[in-house]
Amino acid sequence: MLAEGTFDGKAAIVTGGGTGLGRAIALELGRLGAAVAVAGRRSELLDETVALLGGKALAVSTDVRDPEAVDALVAATVERFGRVDVLVNNAAGNFVVRGEDLSPNGWRAVVAIVLDGGFLCTRAAGRQMIEQGDGGAILSVIASYAWTGGPGTVHSAAAKAGLLAMTRTLAVEWAPHGIRLNTICPGPTDTEGAGQALWPTEKDRARVAATVPAGRLATPEEIAVWAAALCSPAASYITGENLTIDGGHWLEQESYMPALKPRD
């Protein structure tokens, strides 16, 4: 969709960039010319992504829940590439649990990664973009249960809804700085992370695909194309918006999560 060289001279940060969708987005931004810093907690996976990206890439082991670690991530990116132009908040955590069985620690674990981490990364990158004075793009990855609700995922649904509200709020606050904030909402995507956890068998895959009107799972690469597009100059007049890329899944509103079985 976008021409190679679209992001020449630009630097991007992708959290959760060691696997799955984060890796696909990092590779697409790199293909289009961006220097890319990938962040996550597993350094060996980040190193794999950097090897795939080639020369203009940096791995920074980061816990997005830690403000000092996030500030260090942005500082390392600036030290290596001179600037930050794009941030993709992709780091996430999730597991299926009944609301009444969700522990306070379980709630905090997911909300801290998704919402707190999303804000900390957005704040740190946004400050750098404001200082640079020539704008930027921040993209957060959410899920449709941010607005439909998602039985079994109250922690993640609440956190993703928070990311959407944060995005729309800062889209207005930071528009005078030329900083755009948007979200993407992928449907069920064939990744090794969520895929292995939520549809580990071929039977499970078929069940999930049957909930999508388009009849299949998304590939990480086709989600990554649209992620890059929203961060590109082609989307310079788009801010505070969500792009749903799910084959019509949320319109059907049939959950792809494992069923919560009735209690005995």
C-alpha atoms as a PDB file:
ATOM      1  CA  MET A   1       0.000   0.000   0.000  1.00  0.00           C
ATOM      2  CA  LEU A   2       2.704   2.482   1.022  1.00  0.00           C
ATOM      3  CA  ALA A   3       5.846   3.034  -1.012  1.00  0.00           C
ATOM      4  CA  GLU A   4       9.240   2.009   0.275  1.00  0.00           C
ATOM      5  CA  GLY A   5      10.910   5.080   1.703  1.00  0.00           C
ATOM      6  CA  THR A   6       7.700   6.440   3.250  1.00  0.00           C
ATOM      7  CA  PHE A   7       9.376   6.527   6.663  1.00  0.00           C
ATOM      8  CA  ASP A   8      12.899   7.408   5.555  1.00  0.00           C
ATOM      9  CA  GLY A   9      14.607   9.493   8.247  1.00  0.00           C
ATOM     10  CA  LYS A  10      11.954   8.562  10.829  1.00  0.00           C
ATOM     11  CA  ALA A  11      12.352   6.495  13.995  1.00  0.00           C
ATOM     12  CA  ALA A  12       9.673   4.264  15.512  1.00  0.00           C
ATOM     13  CA  ILE A  13       9.199   2.402  18.792  1.00  0.00           C
ATOM     14  CA  VAL A  14       7.099  -0.773  18.860  1.00  0.00           C
ATOM     15  CA  THR A  15       6.289  -2.330  22.230  1.00  0.00           C
ATOM     16  CA  GLY A  16       5.643  -6.035  22.361  1.00  0.00           C
ATOM     17  CA  GLY A  17       7.860  -6.186  19.284  1.00  0.00           C
ATOM     18  CA  GLY A  18       9.397  -9.582  19.877  1.00  0.00           C
ATOM     19  CA  THR A  19       6.610 -11.734  18.459  1.00  0.00           C
ATOM     20  CA  GLY A  20       3.339 -11.808  16.580  1.00  0.00           C
ATOM     21  CA  LEU A  21       1.629  -8.598  15.625  1.00  0.00           C
ATOM     22  CA  GLY A  22       4.291  -6.389  17.191  1.00  0.00           C
ATOM     23  CA  ARG A  23       7.007  -8.051  15.148  1.00  0.00           C
ATOM     24  CA  ALA A  24       4.919  -7.771  11.973  1.00  0.00           C
ATOM     25  CA  ILE A  25       4.348  -4.047  12.552  1.00  0.00           C
ATOM     26  CA  ALA A  26       8.044  -3.482  13.270  1.00  0.00           C
ATOM     27  CA  LEU A  27       9.003  -5.295  10.063  1.00  0.00           C
ATOM     28  CA  GLU A  28       6.508  -3.301   8.001  1.00  0.00           C
ATOM     29  CA  LEU A  29       7.761   0.015   9.385  1.00  0.00           C
ATOM     30  CA  GLY A  30      11.313  -1.101   8.703  1.00  0.00           C
ATOM     31  CA  ARG A  31      10.411  -2.139   5.156  1.00  0.00           C
ATOM     32  CA  LEU A  32       9.089   1.353   4.601  1.00  0.00           C
ATOM     33  CA  GLY A  33      12.331   2.948   5.735  1.00  0.00           C
ATOM     34  CA  ALA A  34      11.914   3.585   9.464  1.00  0.00           C
ATOM     35  CA  ALA A  35      14.598   2.940  12.028  1.00  0.00           C
ATOM     36  CA  VAL A  36      12.847   0.757  14.603  1.00  0.00           C
ATOM     37  CA  ALA A  37      13.366   0.181  18.312  1.00  0.00           C
ATOM     38  CA  VAL A  38      11.532  -2.916  19.530  1.00  0.00           C
ATOM     39  CA  ALA A  39      10.703  -3.238  23.213  1.00  0.00           C
ATOM     40  CA  GLY A  40       9.601  -6.136  25.356  1.00  0.00           C
ATOM     41  CA  ARG A  41      10.599  -8.275  28.305  1.00  0.00           C
ATOM     42  CA  ARG A  42      12.186 -11.209  26.449  1.00  0.00           C
ATOM     43  CA  SER A  43      15.457 -10.030  24.991  1.00  0.00           C
ATOM     44  CA  GLU A  44      16.046 -13.153  22.894  1.00  0.00           C
ATOM     45  CA  LEU A  45      12.819 -12.555  20.957  1.00  0.00           C
ATOM     46  CA  LEU A  46      13.626  -8.886  20.487  1.00  0.00           C
ATOM     47  CA  ASP A  47      17.024  -9.867  19.107  1.00  0.00           C
ATOM     48  CA  GLU A  48      15.288 -12.115  16.558  1.00  0.00           C
ATOM     49  CA  THR A  49      13.161  -9.194  15.384  1.00  0.00           C
ATOM     50  CA  VAL A  50      16.226  -6.950  15.132  1.00  0.00           C
ATOM     51  CA  ALA A  51      18.009  -9.592  13.050  1.00  0.00           C
ATOM     52  CA  LEU A  52      15.048  -9.651  10.667  1.00  0.00           C
ATOM     53  CA  LEU A  53      14.988  -5.848  10.477  1.00  0.00           C
ATOM     54  CA  GLY A  54      18.648  -5.484   9.664  1.00  0.00           C
ATOM     55  CA  GLY A  55      20.865  -2.461  10.284  1.00  0.00           C
ATOM     56  CA  LYS A  56      18.461   0.285  11.400  1.00  0.00           C
ATOM     57  CA  ALA A  57      17.092  -1.540  14.422  1.00  0.00           C
ATOM     58  CA  LEU A  58      17.508  -1.614  18.181  1.00  0.00           C
ATOM     59  CA  ALA A  59      16.314  -4.035  20.868  1.00  0.00           C
ATOM     60  CA  VAL A  60      15.558  -2.537  24.274  1.00  0.00           C
ATOM     61  CA  SER A  61      14.502  -4.901  27.055  1.00  0.00           C
ATOM     62  CA  THR A  62      11.670  -2.971  28.712  1.00  0.00           C
ATOM     63  CA  ASP A  63       8.965  -3.499  31.300  1.00  0.00           C
ATOM     64  CA  VAL A  64       6.349  -0.990  30.145  1.00  0.00           C
ATOM     65  CA  ARG A  65       4.900  -0.905  33.675  1.00  0.00           C
ATOM     66  CA  ASP A  66       8.071   0.784  34.947  1.00  0.00           C
ATOM     67  CA  PRO A  67       8.215   4.555  34.280  1.00  0.00           C
ATOM     68  CA  GLU A  68      12.004   4.651  34.519  1.00  0.00           C
ATOM     69  CA  ALA A  69      12.352   1.749  32.076  1.00  0.00           C
ATOM     70  CA  VAL A  70      10.014   3.470  29.624  1.00  0.00           C
ATOM     71  CA  ASP A  71      11.953   6.729  29.856  1.00  0.00           C
ATOM     72  CA  ALA A  72      15.130   4.731  29.240  1.00  0.00           C
ATOM     73  CA  LEU A  73      13.538   3.153  26.150  1.00  0.00           C
ATOM     74  CA  VAL A  74      12.818   6.554  24.629  1.00  0.00           C
ATOM     75  CA  ALA A  75      16.266   7.845  25.613  1.00  0.00           C
ATOM     76  CA  ALA A  76      17.960   4.831  24.006  1.00  0.00           C
ATOM     77  CA  THR A  77      15.972   5.350  20.811  1.00  0.00           C
ATOM     78  CA  VAL A  78      16.931   9.019  20.660  1.00  0.00           C
ATOM     79  CA  GLU A  79      20.561   8.217  21.408  1.00  0.00           C
ATOM     80  CA  ARG A  80      20.691   5.666  18.579  1.00  0.00           C
ATOM     81  CA  PHE A  81      18.444   7.285  15.963  1.00  0.00           C
ATOM     82  CA  GLY A  82      18.297  10.940  17.017  1.00  0.00           C
ATOM     83  CA  ARG A  83      14.518  11.186  17.369  1.00  0.00           C
ATOM     84  CA  VAL A  84      11.148   9.459  17.882  1.00  0.00           C
ATOM     85  CA  ASP A  85       8.441   9.915  15.257  1.00  0.00           C
ATOM     86  CA  VAL A  86       6.191   6.889  15.758  1.00  0.00           C
ATOM     87  CA  LEU A  87       5.077   4.885  18.797  1.00  0.00           C
ATOM     88  CA  VAL A  88       3.051   1.699  18.566  1.00  0.00           C
ATOM     89  CA  ASN A  89       1.585   0.536  21.882  1.00  0.00           C
ATOM     90  CA  ASN A  90       1.236  -3.183  21.258  1.00  0.00           C
ATOM     91  CA  ALA A  91       2.362  -4.726  24.568  1.00  0.00           C
ATOM     92  CA  ALA A  92      -0.519  -6.612  26.191  1.00  0.00           C
ATOM     93  CA  GLY A  93      -1.523  -9.340  28.574  1.00  0.00           C
ATOM     94  CA  ASN A  94      -4.723 -11.347  28.847  1.00  0.00           C
ATOM     95  CA  PHE A  95      -6.269 -14.530  30.172  1.00  0.00           C
ATOM     96  CA  VAL A  96      -9.826 -15.834  30.378  1.00  0.00           C
ATOM     97  CA  VAL A  97     -11.441 -15.739  33.818  1.00  0.00           C
ATOM     98  CA  ARG A  98     -14.840 -15.111  35.364  1.00  0.00           C
ATOM     99  CA  GLY A  99     -15.140 -11.657  36.883  1.00  0.00           C
ATOM    100  CA  GLU A 100     -15.964 -13.033  40.317  1.00  0.00           C
ATOM    101  CA  ASP A 101     -12.883 -15.251  40.186  1.00  0.00           C
ATOM    102  CA  LEU A 102     -10.465 -12.547  39.031  1.00  0.00           C
ATOM    103  CA  SER A 103      -7.967 -11.752  41.769  1.00  0.00           C
ATOM    104  CA  PRO A 104      -6.817  -8.203  42.503  1.00  0.00           C
ATOM    105  CA  ASN A 105      -3.343  -9.223  41.340  1.00  0.00           C
ATOM    106  CA  GLY A 106      -4.751 -10.630  38.104  1.00  0.00           C
ATOM    107  CA  TRP A 107      -6.634  -7.398  37.469  1.00  0.00           C
ATOM    108  CA  ARG A 108      -3.575  -5.276  38.222  1.00  0.00           C
ATOM    109  CA  ALA A 109      -1.289  -7.409  36.051  1.00  0.00           C
ATOM    110  CA  VAL A 110      -3.315  -6.897  32.874  1.00  0.00           C
ATOM    111  CA  VAL A 111      -4.330  -3.274  33.496  1.00  0.00           C
ATOM    112  CA  ALA A 112      -0.728  -2.362  34.379  1.00  0.00           C
ATOM    113  CA  ILE A 113       0.646  -3.711  31.099  1.00  0.00           C
ATOM    114  CA  VAL A 114      -2.102  -2.514  28.770  1.00  0.00           C
ATOM    115  CA  LEU A 115      -3.351   0.761  30.227  1.00  0.00           C
ATOM    116  CA  ASP A 116      -0.593   1.948  32.554  1.00  0.00           C
ATOM    117  CA  GLY A 117       2.095   0.832  30.116  1.00  0.00           C
ATOM    118  CA  GLY A 118       0.255   2.395  27.205  1.00  0.00           C
ATOM    119  CA  PHE A 119       0.042   5.711  29.015  1.00  0.00           C
ATOM    120  CA  LEU A 120       3.652   5.662  30.217  1.00  0.00           C
ATOM    121  CA  CYS A 121       4.948   4.946  26.719  1.00  0.00           C
ATOM    122  CA  THR A 122       2.625   7.535  25.194  1.00  0.00           C
ATOM    123  CA  ARG A 123       3.683  10.171  27.707  1.00  0.00           C
ATOM    124  CA  ALA A 124       7.403   9.520  27.237  1.00  0.00           C
ATOM    125  CA  ALA A 125       7.238   9.418  23.435  1.00  0.00           C
ATOM    126  CA  GLY A 126       4.849  12.377  23.354  1.00  0.00           C
ATOM    127  CA  ARG A 127       7.194  14.515  25.409  1.00  0.00           C
ATOM    128  CA  GLN A 128       9.999  13.727  22.988  1.00  0.00           C
ATOM    129  CA  MET A 129       7.802  14.552  19.981  1.00  0.00           C
ATOM    130  CA  ILE A 130       6.722  17.840  21.570  1.00  0.00           C
ATOM    131  CA  GLU A 131      10.357  18.741  22.203  1.00  0.00           C
ATOM    132  CA  GLN A 132      11.283  17.903  18.606  1.00  0.00           C
ATOM    133  CA  GLY A 133       8.561  20.247  17.407  1.00  0.00           C
ATOM    134  CA  ASP A 134       7.599  18.533  14.164  1.00  0.00           C
ATOM    135  CA  GLY A 135       4.773  16.206  15.146  1.00  0.00           C
ATOM    136  CA  GLY A 136       4.477  12.446  15.303  1.00  0.00           C
ATOM    137  CA  ALA A 137       2.082   9.504  15.353  1.00  0.00           C
ATOM    138  CA  ILE A 138       1.037   7.267  18.241  1.00  0.00           C
ATOM    139  CA  LEU A 139      -0.969   4.101  17.608  1.00  0.00           C
ATOM    140  CA  SER A 140      -2.431   1.792  20.248  1.00  0.00           C
ATOM    141  CA  VAL A 141      -3.706  -1.718  19.626  1.00  0.00           C
ATOM    142  CA  ILE A 142      -7.100  -2.401  21.213  1.00  0.00           C
ATOM    143  CA  ALA A 143      -9.895  -4.981  20.863  1.00  0.00           C
ATOM    144  CA  SER A 144     -13.578  -4.724  19.988  1.00  0.00           C
ATOM    145  CA  TYR A 145     -14.624  -5.777  23.477  1.00  0.00           C
ATOM    146  CA  ALA A 146     -13.453  -2.310  24.519  1.00  0.00           C
ATOM    147  CA  TRP A 147     -16.940  -1.212  23.399  1.00  0.00           C
ATOM    148  CA  THR A 148     -18.953  -4.444  23.107  1.00  0.00           C
ATOM    149  CA  GLY A 149     -17.809  -5.966  26.382  1.00  0.00           C
ATOM    150  CA  GLY A 150     -16.062  -9.315  26.567  1.00  0.00           C
ATOM    151  CA  PRO A 151     -17.259 -11.938  29.038  1.00  0.00           C
ATOM    152  CA  GLY A 152     -14.221 -13.607  30.588  1.00  0.00           C
ATOM    153  CA  THR A 153     -11.936 -10.641  29.883  1.00  0.00           C
ATOM    154  CA  VAL A 154     -13.160  -7.860  32.175  1.00  0.00           C
ATOM    155  CA  HIS A 155      -9.580  -6.805  32.975  1.00  0.00           C
ATOM    156  CA  SER A 156      -8.476  -6.581  29.350  1.00  0.00           C
ATOM    157  CA  ALA A 157     -11.749  -5.040  28.144  1.00  0.00           C
ATOM    158  CA  ALA A 158     -11.529  -2.288  30.756  1.00  0.00           C
ATOM    159  CA  ALA A 159      -7.864  -1.622  29.945  1.00  0.00           C
ATOM    160  CA  LYS A 160      -8.435  -1.492  26.183  1.00  0.00           C
ATOM    161  CA  ALA A 161     -11.404   0.844  26.675  1.00  0.00           C
ATOM    162  CA  GLY A 162      -9.092   3.044  28.711  1.00  0.00           C
ATOM    163  CA  LEU A 163      -6.588   3.128  25.856  1.00  0.00           C
ATOM    164  CA  LEU A 164      -9.331   4.267  23.482  1.00  0.00           C
ATOM    165  CA  ALA A 165     -10.372   7.059  25.858  1.00  0.00           C
ATOM    166  CA  MET A 166      -6.736   8.078  26.362  1.00  0.00           C
ATOM    167  CA  THR A 167      -6.202   8.180  22.610  1.00  0.00           C
ATOM    168  CA  ARG A 168      -9.198  10.399  21.947  1.00  0.00           C
ATOM    169  CA  THR A 169      -8.368  12.726  24.823  1.00  0.00           C
ATOM    170  CA  LEU A 170      -4.736  13.251  23.835  1.00  0.00           C
ATOM    171  CA  ALA A 171      -5.671  13.528  20.153  1.00  0.00           C
ATOM    172  CA  VAL A 172      -7.284  16.838  21.084  1.00  0.00           C
ATOM    173  CA  GLU A 173      -4.648  17.947  23.598  1.00  0.00           C
ATOM    174  CA  TRP A 174      -1.708  17.229  21.320  1.00  0.00           C
ATOM    175  CA  ALA A 175      -3.167  18.249  17.964  1.00  0.00           C
ATOM    176  CA  PRO A 176      -1.530  21.704  18.238  1.00  0.00           C
ATOM    177  CA  HIS A 177       1.816  19.887  18.413  1.00  0.00           C
ATOM    178  CA  GLY A 178       1.067  17.977  15.209  1.00  0.00           C
ATOM    179  CA  ILE A 179       0.913  14.685  17.126  1.00  0.00           C
ATOM    180  CA  ARG A 180      -1.793  12.288  15.953  1.00  0.00           C
ATOM    181  CA  LEU A 181      -3.146   9.457  18.099  1.00  0.00           C
ATOM    182  CA  ASN A 182      -5.247   6.597  16.767  1.00  0.00           C
ATOM    183  CA  THR A 183      -6.091   2.994  17.557  1.00  0.00           C
ATOM    184  CA  ILE A 184      -6.440  -0.173  15.542  1.00  0.00           C
ATOM    185  CA  CYS A 185      -8.692  -3.036  16.493  1.00  0.00           C
ATOM    186  CA  PRO A 186      -7.581  -6.334  14.933  1.00  0.00           C
ATOM    187  CA  GLY A 187      -9.947  -9.256  14.827  1.00  0.00           C
ATOM    188  CA  PRO A 188      -8.823 -12.817  15.609  1.00  0.00           C
ATOM    189  CA  THR A 189      -5.303 -12.916  14.204  1.00  0.00           C
ATOM    190  CA  ASP A 190      -3.133 -15.917  13.478  1.00  0.00           C
ATOM    191  CA  THR A 191      -0.236 -15.224  15.849  1.00  0.00           C
ATOM    192  CA  GLU A 192       1.859 -17.457  18.047  1.00  0.00           C
ATOM    193  CA  GLY A 193       0.894 -15.480  21.150  1.00  0.00           C
ATOM    194  CA  ALA A 194      -2.875 -15.118  21.418  1.00  0.00           C
ATOM    195  CA  GLY A 195      -3.330 -17.850  18.842  1.00  0.00           C
ATOM    196  CA  GLN A 196      -1.575 -20.518  20.853  1.00  0.00           C
ATOM    197  CA  ALA A 197      -3.409 -19.461  24.004  1.00  0.00           C
ATOM    198  CA  LEU A 198      -6.927 -19.131  22.614  1.00  0.00           C
ATOM    199  CA  TRP A 199      -7.063 -21.529  19.665  1.00  0.00           C
ATOM    200  CA  PRO A 200      -4.259 -24.072  20.134  1.00  0.00           C
ATOM    201  CA  THR A 201      -5.797 -26.864  18.011  1.00  0.00           C
ATOM    202  CA  GLU A 202      -7.146 -27.039  14.476  1.00  0.00           C
ATOM    203  CA  LYS A 203     -10.610 -27.627  15.925  1.00  0.00           C
ATOM    204  CA  ASP A 204     -10.279 -24.442  17.946  1.00  0.00           C
ATOM    205  CA  ARG A 205      -9.052 -22.541  14.886  1.00  0.00           C
ATOM    206  CA  ALA A 206     -12.085 -23.669  12.921  1.00  0.00           C
ATOM    207  CA  ARG A 207     -14.363 -22.603  15.765  1.00  0.00           C
ATOM    208  CA  VAL A 208     -12.833 -19.146  15.868  1.00  0.00           C
ATOM    209  CA  ALA A 209     -12.863 -18.704  12.079  1.00  0.00           C
ATOM    210  CA  ALA A 210     -16.571 -19.603  12.067  1.00  0.00           C
ATOM    211  CA  THR A 211     -17.283 -16.559  14.258  1.00  0.00           C
ATOM    212  CA  VAL A 212     -15.838 -14.218  11.617  1.00  0.00           C
ATOM    213  CA  PRO A 213     -18.172 -13.261   8.742  1.00  0.00           C
ATOM    214  CA  ALA A 214     -15.154 -13.230   6.395  1.00  0.00           C
ATOM    215  CA  GLY A 215     -14.615 -16.869   7.369  1.00  0.00           C
ATOM    216  CA  ARG A 216     -10.942 -16.756   8.346  1.00  0.00           C
ATOM    217  CA  LEU A 217      -8.374 -15.398  10.760  1.00  0.00           C
ATOM    218  CA  ALA A 218      -6.351 -12.296   9.909  1.00  0.00           C
ATOM    219  CA  THR A 219      -2.654 -12.525   9.156  1.00  0.00           C
ATOM    220  CA  PRO A 220      -0.293 -10.312  11.172  1.00  0.00           C
ATOM    221  CA  GLU A 221       1.026  -8.842   7.934  1.00  0.00           C
ATOM    222  CA  GLU A 222      -2.330  -7.490   6.758  1.00  0.00           C
ATOM    223  CA  ILE A 223      -2.909  -5.852  10.148  1.00  0.00           C
ATOM    224  CA  ALA A 224       0.603  -4.381  10.037  1.00  0.00           C
ATOM    225  CA  VAL A 225      -0.047  -2.723   6.666  1.00  0.00           C
ATOM    226  CA  TRP A 226      -2.896  -0.674   8.122  1.00  0.00           C
ATOM    227  CA  ALA A 227      -0.974   0.075  11.319  1.00  0.00           C
ATOM    228  CA  ALA A 228       1.817   1.591   9.253  1.00  0.00           C
ATOM    229  CA  ALA A 229      -0.672   3.476   7.082  1.00  0.00           C
ATOM    230  CA  LEU A 230      -2.231   5.212  10.088  1.00  0.00           C
ATOM    231  CA  CYS A 231       1.224   6.293  11.238  1.00  0.00           C
ATOM    232  CA  SER A 232       2.201   7.584   7.790  1.00  0.00           C
ATOM    233  CA  PRO A 233       1.864  11.013   6.147  1.00  0.00           C
ATOM    234  CA  ALA A 234      -1.026   9.567   4.131  1.00  0.00           C
ATOM    235  CA  ALA A 235      -3.100   9.729   7.335  1.00  0.00           C
ATOM    236  CA  SER A 236      -2.017  13.242   8.298  1.00  0.00           C
ATOM    237  CA  TYR A 237      -5.634  14.385   8.790  1.00  0.00           C
ATOM    238  CA  ILE A 238      -6.749  11.380  10.844  1.00  0.00           C
ATOM    239  CA  THR A 239      -6.571  11.588  14.630  1.00  0.00           C
ATOM    240  CA  GLY A 240      -8.640  10.266  17.532  1.00  0.00           C
ATOM    241  CA  GLU A 241     -10.011   7.467  15.367  1.00  0.00           C
ATOM    242  CA  ASN A 242     -10.212   3.696  15.626  1.00  0.00           C
ATOM    243  CA  LEU A 243      -9.777   1.430  12.612  1.00  0.00           C
ATOM    244  CA  THR A 244     -11.351  -1.997  13.029  1.00  0.00           C
ATOM    245  CA  ILE A 245      -9.710  -4.707  10.920  1.00  0.00           C
ATOM    246  CA  ASP A 246     -11.665  -7.833  11.784  1.00  0.00           C
ATOM    247  CA  GLY A 247     -13.495  -9.255   8.769  1.00  0.00           C
ATOM    248  CA  GLY A 248     -16.807  -8.073  10.229  1.00  0.00           C
ATOM    249  CA  HIS A 249     -16.298 -10.008  13.454  1.00  0.00           C
ATOM    250  CA  TRP A 250     -17.530  -7.394  15.909  1.00  0.00           C
ATOM    251  CA  LEU A 251     -20.687  -6.808  13.870  1.00  0.00           C
ATOM    252  CA  GLU A 252     -21.570 -10.449  14.399  1.00  0.00           C
ATOM    253  CA  GLN A 253     -20.766 -10.020  18.114  1.00  0.00           C
ATOM    254  CA  GLU A 254     -20.073 -13.710  18.621  1.00  0.00           C
ATOM    255  CA  SER A 255     -17.251 -14.208  21.077  1.00  0.00           C
ATOM    256  CA  TYR A 256     -14.211 -16.181  19.987  1.00  0.00           C
ATOM    257  CA  MET A 257     -13.074 -16.672  23.580  1.00  0.00           C
ATOM    258  CA  PRO A 258     -13.267 -20.177  25.078  1.00  0.00           C
ATOM    259  CA  ALA A 259     -16.728 -20.640  26.501  1.00  0.00           C
ATOM    260  CA  LEU A 260     -17.208 -20.060  30.228  1.00  0.00           C
ATOM    261  CA  LYS A 261     -18.732 -23.372  31.241  1.00  0.00           C
ATOM    262  CA  PRO A 262     -21.658 -23.354  33.688  1.00  0.00           C
ATOM    263  CA  ARG A 263     -20.686 -24.078  37.279  1.00  0.00           C
ATOM    264  CA  ASP A 264     -21.646 -27.414  38.725  1.00  0.00           C
END
